[in-house]
């Protein structure tokens, strides 16, 4: 994914922004837009910094989701059997 910048100020700011984004991508971080503001014909973006999950975190989440899903299915079967 390529992120484009429009610099309203000095061209040096644009180069600095691209350099920072490159560094973030190398370290495994991602910029996530949190909020958008419209001001006088321009859009301001509030950015958040995020890092992806590790594989062991993903496995734990998948295991928890599967257990919840199986519990809901079992509860549904019990309700159908009752009446």
Protein backbone atom coordinates (compact mmCIF):
# COMPACT_ATOMS: atom_id res chain seq x y z
CA UNK A 1 0.00 0.00 0.00
CA UNK A 2 1.34 3.41 -0.92
CA UNK A 3 0.38 6.49 1.04
CA UNK A 4 0.53 9.82 -0.75
CA UNK A 5 1.14 13.18 0.87
CA UNK A 6 0.17 16.65 -0.16
CA UNK A 7 2.40 19.16 1.53
CA UNK A 8 0.94 22.60 2.11
CA UNK A 9 4.21 23.89 3.47
CA UNK A 10 7.87 23.39 2.80
CA UNK A 11 8.90 20.54 0.44
CA UNK A 12 11.35 19.43 3.14
CA UNK A 13 8.39 18.44 5.34
CA UNK A 14 7.20 16.06 2.65
CA UNK A 15 10.61 14.37 2.48
CA UNK A 16 10.70 14.05 6.28
CA UNK A 17 7.23 12.47 6.30
CA UNK A 18 8.21 9.91 3.66
CA UNK A 19 11.36 9.08 5.59
CA UNK A 20 9.40 8.51 8.80
CA UNK A 21 6.88 6.28 7.00
CA UNK A 22 9.69 4.17 5.57
CA UNK A 23 11.18 3.70 9.02
CA UNK A 24 7.80 2.71 10.46
CA UNK A 25 7.25 0.15 7.71
CA UNK A 26 10.65 -1.42 8.38
CA UNK A 27 9.88 -1.80 12.09
CA UNK A 28 6.51 -3.46 11.38
CA UNK A 29 4.31 -0.55 12.43
CA UNK A 30 1.34 0.84 10.55
CA UNK A 31 -0.30 4.26 10.58
CA UNK A 32 -4.04 3.95 11.12
CA UNK A 33 -6.44 6.87 10.47
CA UNK A 34 -8.44 7.43 13.65
CA UNK A 35 -10.50 10.55 12.82
CA UNK A 36 -11.06 12.86 9.88
CA UNK A 37 -11.66 16.59 10.19
CA UNK A 38 -12.73 18.92 7.39
CA UNK A 39 -11.35 22.46 7.75
CA UNK A 40 -11.71 25.15 5.10
CA UNK A 41 -11.64 22.75 2.18
CA UNK A 42 -8.84 20.58 3.58
CA UNK A 43 -8.97 17.28 5.44
CA UNK A 44 -7.05 16.82 8.67
CA UNK A 45 -6.35 13.26 9.74
CA UNK A 46 -5.66 12.08 13.28
CA UNK A 47 -3.31 9.12 13.01
CA UNK A 48 -2.65 6.24 15.36
CA UNK A 49 0.37 3.96 15.44
CA UNK A 50 -0.34 0.21 15.44
CA UNK A 51 1.73 -2.94 15.42
CA UNK A 52 0.41 -6.26 14.12
CA UNK A 53 -0.30 -9.25 16.32
CA UNK A 54 2.21 -12.01 16.81
CA UNK A 55 1.30 -15.49 15.58
CA UNK A 56 0.81 -16.87 19.12
CA UNK A 57 -1.66 -14.04 19.84
CA UNK A 58 -3.63 -14.94 16.72
CA UNK A 59 -3.79 -18.61 17.72
CA UNK A 60 -5.13 -17.70 21.16
CA UNK A 61 -7.82 -15.47 19.64
CA UNK A 62 -8.86 -18.14 17.15
CA UNK A 63 -9.07 -20.70 19.96
CA UNK A 64 -11.25 -18.38 22.07
CA UNK A 65 -13.56 -17.59 19.13
CA UNK A 66 -13.96 -21.28 18.34
CA UNK A 67 -14.81 -22.09 21.96
CA UNK A 68 -17.40 -19.27 22.08
CA UNK A 69 -18.95 -20.41 18.81
CA UNK A 70 -19.20 -24.03 20.01
CA UNK A 71 -20.78 -22.89 23.29
CA UNK A 72 -23.42 -20.86 21.43
CA UNK A 73 -24.22 -23.80 19.17
CA UNK A 74 -24.59 -26.10 22.21
CA UNK A 75 -26.86 -23.57 23.95
CA UNK A 76 -29.00 -23.33 20.82
CA UNK A 77 -29.38 -27.10 20.61
CA UNK A 78 -30.37 -27.27 24.29
CA UNK A 79 -33.07 -24.63 23.77
CA UNK A 80 -34.47 -26.44 20.71
CA UNK A 81 -34.64 -29.75 22.61
CA UNK A 82 -36.54 -28.17 25.51
CA UNK A 83 -39.30 -26.85 23.53
